[in-house]
Amino acid sequence: MTNYYVKRLRIIVLVVALFVWGTVSLIKAQGTPTPAPISQTDLAPLVPCASTGTTSQEIKPCVTIVSNTADLAGIWKTYVLANPAFASSDGMGYIRFNKDGTFFIADTAENTASVHGNFPYGTIAIADGQLTFTVTSQTPPGCASGVWQVRIIKLGEQPIALSFIPIKDQCAPRLANLSQPALWVSSAE
């Protein structure tokens, strides 16, 4: 045989071997169950928060799952990415969570003190590590409510940021906006 035919034969054998290997892999994979996704509520914090009374040398960043409205109380700053009706001049939005379970969204921290313009507001309820938003007014279609897990990042007792994980929410603007961290601005008092 000539060198040309030997090279072609090698290529054909290689292609057939890859085809057989791929077919066998697919057949074996069909009987393999797909693992269930890990529930966010089952995950432990990356760094658990220390108990109160630690010295300043022991303070380090930590994460906890928000379990009550007092954990969230304060004014938080985040990007407004998906809804031009609520856009601010700098692309930032502010959300005030009050201890009584109310929230107000606005274009400045000061404007979150109460209902402002066409920005949404409403209530939150927290149960079993899940936060439910209920938007009272200025509700875009499909955005009346949503269920999330919220993690708060702290440095000692000082809140630093919120991380939102959707559990059940069909509101595209809220999903986009809360995909970014919300940073601590100040207390809500």
C-alpha atoms as a PDB file:
ATOM      1  CA  MET A   1       0.000   0.000   0.000  1.00  0.00           C
ATOM      2  CA  THR A   2       1.088   3.466  -0.660  1.00  0.00           C
ATOM      3  CA  ASN A   3       1.695   6.005   2.010  1.00  0.00           C
ATOM      4  CA  TYR A   4      -1.436   7.934   0.886  1.00  0.00           C
ATOM      5  CA  TYR A   5      -3.771   4.958   1.526  1.00  0.00           C
ATOM      6  CA  VAL A   6      -2.172   4.193   4.902  1.00  0.00           C
ATOM      7  CA  LYS A   7      -2.846   7.760   6.074  1.00  0.00           C
ATOM      8  CA  ARG A   8      -6.479   7.603   4.877  1.00  0.00           C
ATOM      9  CA  LEU A   9      -6.985   4.229   6.575  1.00  0.00           C
ATOM     10  CA  ARG A  10      -5.654   5.628   9.882  1.00  0.00           C
ATOM     11  CA  ILE A  11      -8.075   8.575   9.677  1.00  0.00           C
ATOM     12  CA  ILE A  12     -11.029   6.289   8.935  1.00  0.00           C
ATOM     13  CA  VAL A  13     -10.144   3.986  11.859  1.00  0.00           C
ATOM     14  CA  LEU A  14      -9.813   7.014  14.175  1.00  0.00           C
ATOM     15  CA  VAL A  15     -13.215   8.422  13.092  1.00  0.00           C
ATOM     16  CA  VAL A  16     -14.926   5.038  13.564  1.00  0.00           C
ATOM     17  CA  ALA A  17     -13.327   4.619  17.024  1.00  0.00           C
ATOM     18  CA  LEU A  18     -14.508   8.082  18.111  1.00  0.00           C
ATOM     19  CA  PHE A  19     -18.006   7.352  16.798  1.00  0.00           C
ATOM     20  CA  VAL A  20     -18.205   4.064  18.699  1.00  0.00           C
ATOM     21  CA  TRP A  21     -16.831   5.664  21.877  1.00  0.00           C
ATOM     22  CA  GLY A  22     -19.384   8.503  21.659  1.00  0.00           C
ATOM     23  CA  THR A  23     -22.273   6.116  21.031  1.00  0.00           C
ATOM     24  CA  VAL A  24     -21.328   3.880  23.955  1.00  0.00           C
ATOM     25  CA  SER A  25     -20.990   6.934  26.238  1.00  0.00           C
ATOM     26  CA  LEU A  26     -24.471   8.157  25.295  1.00  0.00           C
ATOM     27  CA  ILE A  27     -26.017   4.735  25.872  1.00  0.00           C
ATOM     28  CA  LYS A  28     -24.401   4.462  29.312  1.00  0.00           C
ATOM     29  CA  ALA A  29     -25.388   8.032  30.235  1.00  0.00           C
ATOM     30  CA  GLN A  30     -29.080   7.409  29.534  1.00  0.00           C
ATOM     31  CA  GLY A  31     -29.402   5.274  32.646  1.00  0.00           C
ATOM     32  CA  THR A  32     -27.621   7.799  34.861  1.00  0.00           C
ATOM     33  CA  PRO A  33     -29.991   9.909  36.991  1.00  0.00           C
ATOM     34  CA  THR A  34     -29.507  13.668  36.845  1.00  0.00           C
ATOM     35  CA  PRO A  35     -28.485  14.993  40.266  1.00  0.00           C
ATOM     36  CA  ALA A  36     -30.924  17.419  41.860  1.00  0.00           C
ATOM     37  CA  PRO A  37     -29.664  20.990  42.180  1.00  0.00           C
ATOM     38  CA  ILE A  38     -28.468  21.980  45.630  1.00  0.00           C
ATOM     39  CA  SER A  39     -31.016  24.049  47.478  1.00  0.00           C
ATOM     40  CA  GLN A  40     -29.648  27.449  48.467  1.00  0.00           C
ATOM     41  CA  THR A  41     -31.371  27.128  51.836  1.00  0.00           C
ATOM     42  CA  ASP A  42     -29.325  24.000  52.588  1.00  0.00           C
ATOM     43  CA  LEU A  43     -25.971  25.736  52.130  1.00  0.00           C
ATOM     44  CA  ALA A  44     -24.018  26.807  55.182  1.00  0.00           C
ATOM     45  CA  PRO A  45     -22.594  30.350  55.285  1.00  0.00           C
ATOM     46  CA  LEU A  46     -19.158  30.741  53.695  1.00  0.00           C
ATOM     47  CA  VAL A  47     -17.932  32.266  56.963  1.00  0.00           C
ATOM     48  CA  PRO A  48     -20.324  32.090  59.920  1.00  0.00           C
ATOM     49  CA  CYS A  49     -20.686  35.249  61.981  1.00  0.00           C
ATOM     50  CA  ALA A  50     -19.037  35.193  65.405  1.00  0.00           C
ATOM     51  CA  SER A  51     -21.113  35.630  68.509  1.00  0.00           C
ATOM     52  CA  THR A  52     -21.429  39.115  69.952  1.00  0.00           C
ATOM     53  CA  GLY A  53     -18.738  40.256  72.327  1.00  0.00           C
ATOM     54  CA  THR A  54     -15.710  39.344  70.189  1.00  0.00           C
ATOM     55  CA  THR A  55     -12.643  41.560  70.334  1.00  0.00           C
ATOM     56  CA  SER A  56     -11.728  43.856  67.442  1.00  0.00           C
ATOM     57  CA  GLN A  57      -8.840  41.538  66.533  1.00  0.00           C
ATOM     58  CA  GLU A  58     -11.302  38.664  66.020  1.00  0.00           C
ATOM     59  CA  ILE A  59     -13.674  40.607  63.751  1.00  0.00           C
ATOM     60  CA  LYS A  60     -13.783  39.310  60.208  1.00  0.00           C
ATOM     61  CA  PRO A  61     -16.246  39.349  57.318  1.00  0.00           C
ATOM     62  CA  CYS A  62     -19.073  36.866  57.749  1.00  0.00           C
ATOM     63  CA  VAL A  63     -22.345  35.807  56.147  1.00  0.00           C
ATOM     64  CA  THR A  64     -25.735  34.890  57.599  1.00  0.00           C
ATOM     65  CA  ILE A  65     -29.131  34.187  56.103  1.00  0.00           C
ATOM     66  CA  VAL A  66     -31.585  36.936  56.960  1.00  0.00           C
ATOM     67  CA  SER A  67     -34.162  35.575  59.406  1.00  0.00           C
ATOM     68  CA  ASN A  68     -36.169  38.655  60.401  1.00  0.00           C
ATOM     69  CA  THR A  69     -36.959  42.173  59.208  1.00  0.00           C
ATOM     70  CA  ALA A  70     -34.648  43.739  61.798  1.00  0.00           C
ATOM     71  CA  ASP A  71     -31.683  42.047  60.042  1.00  0.00           C
ATOM     72  CA  LEU A  72     -32.487  44.029  56.880  1.00  0.00           C
ATOM     73  CA  ALA A  73     -33.403  47.347  58.497  1.00  0.00           C
ATOM     74  CA  GLY A  74     -31.475  50.088  56.785  1.00  0.00           C
ATOM     75  CA  ILE A  75     -30.909  51.842  53.475  1.00  0.00           C
ATOM     76  CA  TRP A  76     -29.159  49.869  50.748  1.00  0.00           C
ATOM     77  CA  LYS A  77     -27.787  51.007  47.379  1.00  0.00           C
ATOM     78  CA  THR A  78     -27.907  48.896  44.230  1.00  0.00           C
ATOM     79  CA  TYR A  79     -27.922  49.185  40.455  1.00  0.00           C
ATOM     80  CA  VAL A  80     -31.217  49.736  38.640  1.00  0.00           C
ATOM     81  CA  LEU A  81     -30.588  47.655  35.541  1.00  0.00           C
ATOM     82  CA  ALA A  82     -33.840  46.591  34.003  1.00  0.00           C
ATOM     83  CA  ASN A  83     -36.640  49.074  34.401  1.00  0.00           C
ATOM     84  CA  PRO A  84     -36.357  52.538  32.821  1.00  0.00           C
ATOM     85  CA  ALA A  85     -39.564  53.620  34.594  1.00  0.00           C
ATOM     86  CA  PHE A  86     -37.599  53.568  37.852  1.00  0.00           C
ATOM     87  CA  ALA A  87     -34.301  54.828  36.494  1.00  0.00           C
ATOM     88  CA  SER A  88     -32.301  57.365  38.429  1.00  0.00           C
ATOM     89  CA  SER A  89     -29.885  59.831  36.908  1.00  0.00           C
ATOM     90  CA  ASP A  90     -26.831  57.791  37.968  1.00  0.00           C
ATOM     91  CA  GLY A  91     -28.264  54.286  37.365  1.00  0.00           C
ATOM     92  CA  MET A  92     -28.396  53.599  41.091  1.00  0.00           C
ATOM     93  CA  GLY A  93     -31.390  52.809  43.218  1.00  0.00           C
ATOM     94  CA  TYR A  94     -31.928  52.845  46.953  1.00  0.00           C
ATOM     95  CA  ILE A  95     -34.128  50.538  48.964  1.00  0.00           C
ATOM     96  CA  ARG A  96     -35.118  51.165  52.567  1.00  0.00           C
ATOM     97  CA  PHE A  97     -36.147  48.164  54.623  1.00  0.00           C
ATOM     98  CA  ASN A  98     -37.904  49.112  57.849  1.00  0.00           C
ATOM     99  CA  LYS A  99     -38.164  46.927  60.948  1.00  0.00           C
ATOM    100  CA  ASP A 100     -41.957  46.900  60.549  1.00  0.00           C
ATOM    101  CA  GLY A 101     -41.619  45.009  57.248  1.00  0.00           C
ATOM    102  CA  THR A 102     -42.229  47.900  54.862  1.00  0.00           C
ATOM    103  CA  PHE A 103     -39.885  48.837  52.038  1.00  0.00           C
ATOM    104  CA  PHE A 104     -39.549  51.881  49.801  1.00  0.00           C
ATOM    105  CA  ILE A 105     -37.463  52.206  46.625  1.00  0.00           C
ATOM    106  CA  ALA A 106     -36.287  55.576  45.301  1.00  0.00           C
ATOM    107  CA  ASP A 107     -33.578  57.404  43.379  1.00  0.00           C
ATOM    108  CA  THR A 108     -31.807  58.790  46.472  1.00  0.00           C
ATOM    109  CA  ALA A 109     -31.386  57.580  50.034  1.00  0.00           C
ATOM    110  CA  GLU A 110     -33.375  60.564  51.320  1.00  0.00           C
ATOM    111  CA  ASN A 111     -36.325  59.791  49.021  1.00  0.00           C
ATOM    112  CA  THR A 112     -36.741  56.315  50.542  1.00  0.00           C
ATOM    113  CA  ALA A 113     -38.282  57.809  53.701  1.00  0.00           C
ATOM    114  CA  SER A 114     -41.747  57.256  52.184  1.00  0.00           C
ATOM    115  CA  VAL A 115     -43.495  56.732  48.844  1.00  0.00           C
ATOM    116  CA  HIS A 116     -41.590  58.573  46.124  1.00  0.00           C
ATOM    117  CA  GLY A 117     -42.741  59.259  42.566  1.00  0.00           C
ATOM    118  CA  ASN A 118     -43.380  56.144  40.509  1.00  0.00           C
ATOM    119  CA  PHE A 119     -41.011  53.924  42.476  1.00  0.00           C
ATOM    120  CA  PRO A 120     -42.359  50.649  43.943  1.00  0.00           C
ATOM    121  CA  TYR A 121     -43.033  50.134  47.627  1.00  0.00           C
ATOM    122  CA  GLY A 122     -44.644  47.443  49.700  1.00  0.00           C
ATOM    123  CA  THR A 123     -44.030  44.907  52.429  1.00  0.00           C
ATOM    124  CA  ILE A 124     -41.753  41.995  53.142  1.00  0.00           C
ATOM    125  CA  ALA A 125     -42.329  38.917  55.246  1.00  0.00           C
ATOM    126  CA  ILE A 126     -39.620  36.497  56.338  1.00  0.00           C
ATOM    127  CA  ALA A 127     -40.288  32.868  57.248  1.00  0.00           C
ATOM    128  CA  ASP A 128     -38.061  29.782  57.151  1.00  0.00           C
ATOM    129  CA  GLY A 129     -35.130  31.723  55.681  1.00  0.00           C
ATOM    130  CA  GLN A 130     -37.210  33.047  52.783  1.00  0.00           C
ATOM    131  CA  LEU A 131     -38.180  36.651  52.134  1.00  0.00           C
ATOM    132  CA  THR A 132     -41.438  37.382  50.295  1.00  0.00           C
ATOM    133  CA  PHE A 133     -41.767  40.755  48.562  1.00  0.00           C
ATOM    134  CA  THR A 134     -45.321  42.051  48.183  1.00  0.00           C
ATOM    135  CA  VAL A 135     -45.386  45.186  46.047  1.00  0.00           C
ATOM    136  CA  THR A 136     -48.261  47.463  47.053  1.00  0.00           C
ATOM    137  CA  SER A 137     -48.110  50.019  44.245  1.00  0.00           C
ATOM    138  CA  GLN A 138     -46.254  50.915  41.056  1.00  0.00           C
ATOM    139  CA  THR A 139     -46.193  47.223  40.233  1.00  0.00           C
ATOM    140  CA  PRO A 140     -44.901  46.211  36.812  1.00  0.00           C
ATOM    141  CA  PRO A 141     -46.805  43.258  35.256  1.00  0.00           C
ATOM    142  CA  GLY A 142     -45.869  39.949  36.918  1.00  0.00           C
ATOM    143  CA  CYS A 143     -44.119  41.720  39.782  1.00  0.00           C
ATOM    144  CA  ALA A 144     -46.713  41.711  42.565  1.00  0.00           C
ATOM    145  CA  SER A 145     -44.685  39.273  44.675  1.00  0.00           C
ATOM    146  CA  GLY A 146     -41.532  37.202  44.727  1.00  0.00           C
ATOM    147  CA  VAL A 147     -39.757  34.838  47.102  1.00  0.00           C
ATOM    148  CA  TRP A 148     -36.025  35.157  47.743  1.00  0.00           C
ATOM    149  CA  GLN A 149     -33.331  34.067  50.128  1.00  0.00           C
ATOM    150  CA  VAL A 150     -31.278  36.996  51.384  1.00  0.00           C
ATOM    151  CA  ARG A 151     -27.798  36.727  52.809  1.00  0.00           C
ATOM    152  CA  ILE A 152     -26.278  39.595  54.726  1.00  0.00           C
ATOM    153  CA  ILE A 153     -22.536  40.137  54.691  1.00  0.00           C
ATOM    154  CA  LYS A 154     -21.184  41.822  57.805  1.00  0.00           C
ATOM    155  CA  LEU A 155     -17.897  42.955  59.264  1.00  0.00           C
ATOM    156  CA  GLY A 156     -18.450  42.198  62.931  1.00  0.00           C
ATOM    157  CA  GLU A 157     -21.855  43.721  63.685  1.00  0.00           C
ATOM    158  CA  GLN A 158     -21.652  46.236  60.802  1.00  0.00           C
ATOM    159  CA  PRO A 159     -23.765  45.335  57.751  1.00  0.00           C
ATOM    160  CA  ILE A 160     -21.816  45.574  54.481  1.00  0.00           C
ATOM    161  CA  ALA A 161     -23.922  44.064  51.689  1.00  0.00           C
ATOM    162  CA  LEU A 162     -26.941  41.964  50.788  1.00  0.00           C
ATOM    163  CA  SER A 163     -26.916  39.072  48.352  1.00  0.00           C
ATOM    164  CA  PHE A 164     -30.279  38.006  46.908  1.00  0.00           C
ATOM    165  CA  ILE A 165     -30.974  34.475  45.639  1.00  0.00           C
ATOM    166  CA  PRO A 166     -34.264  33.979  43.785  1.00  0.00           C
ATOM    167  CA  ILE A 167     -36.433  31.086  44.924  1.00  0.00           C
ATOM    168  CA  LYS A 168     -39.696  31.864  43.129  1.00  0.00           C
ATOM    169  CA  ASP A 169     -40.069  35.072  41.162  1.00  0.00           C
ATOM    170  CA  GLN A 170     -41.334  35.792  37.638  1.00  0.00           C
ATOM    171  CA  CYS A 171     -40.504  39.520  37.702  1.00  0.00           C
ATOM    172  CA  ALA A 172     -37.757  40.085  35.117  1.00  0.00           C
ATOM    173  CA  PRO A 173     -36.849  43.623  36.318  1.00  0.00           C
ATOM    174  CA  ARG A 174     -36.549  42.487  39.959  1.00  0.00           C
ATOM    175  CA  LEU A 175     -34.514  39.433  38.915  1.00  0.00           C
ATOM    176  CA  ALA A 176     -32.100  41.683  37.005  1.00  0.00           C
ATOM    177  CA  ASN A 177     -31.866  44.377  39.669  1.00  0.00           C
ATOM    178  CA  LEU A 178     -31.358  41.985  42.586  1.00  0.00           C
ATOM    179  CA  SER A 179     -28.747  39.972  40.694  1.00  0.00           C
ATOM    180  CA  GLN A 180     -26.294  42.624  41.891  1.00  0.00           C
ATOM    181  CA  PRO A 181     -25.283  43.071  45.529  1.00  0.00           C
ATOM    182  CA  ALA A 182     -26.947  45.818  47.549  1.00  0.00           C
ATOM    183  CA  LEU A 183     -24.448  47.831  49.594  1.00  0.00           C
ATOM    184  CA  TRP A 184     -25.120  49.303  53.033  1.00  0.00           C
ATOM    185  CA  VAL A 185     -25.666  53.078  53.094  1.00  0.00           C
ATOM    186  CA  SER A 186     -27.064  53.865  56.533  1.00  0.00           C
ATOM    187  CA  SER A 187     -29.563  52.909  59.184  1.00  0.00           C
ATOM    188  CA  ALA A 188     -33.250  53.509  58.446  1.00  0.00           C
ATOM    189  CA  GLU A 189     -33.792  55.611  61.548  1.00  0.00           C
END
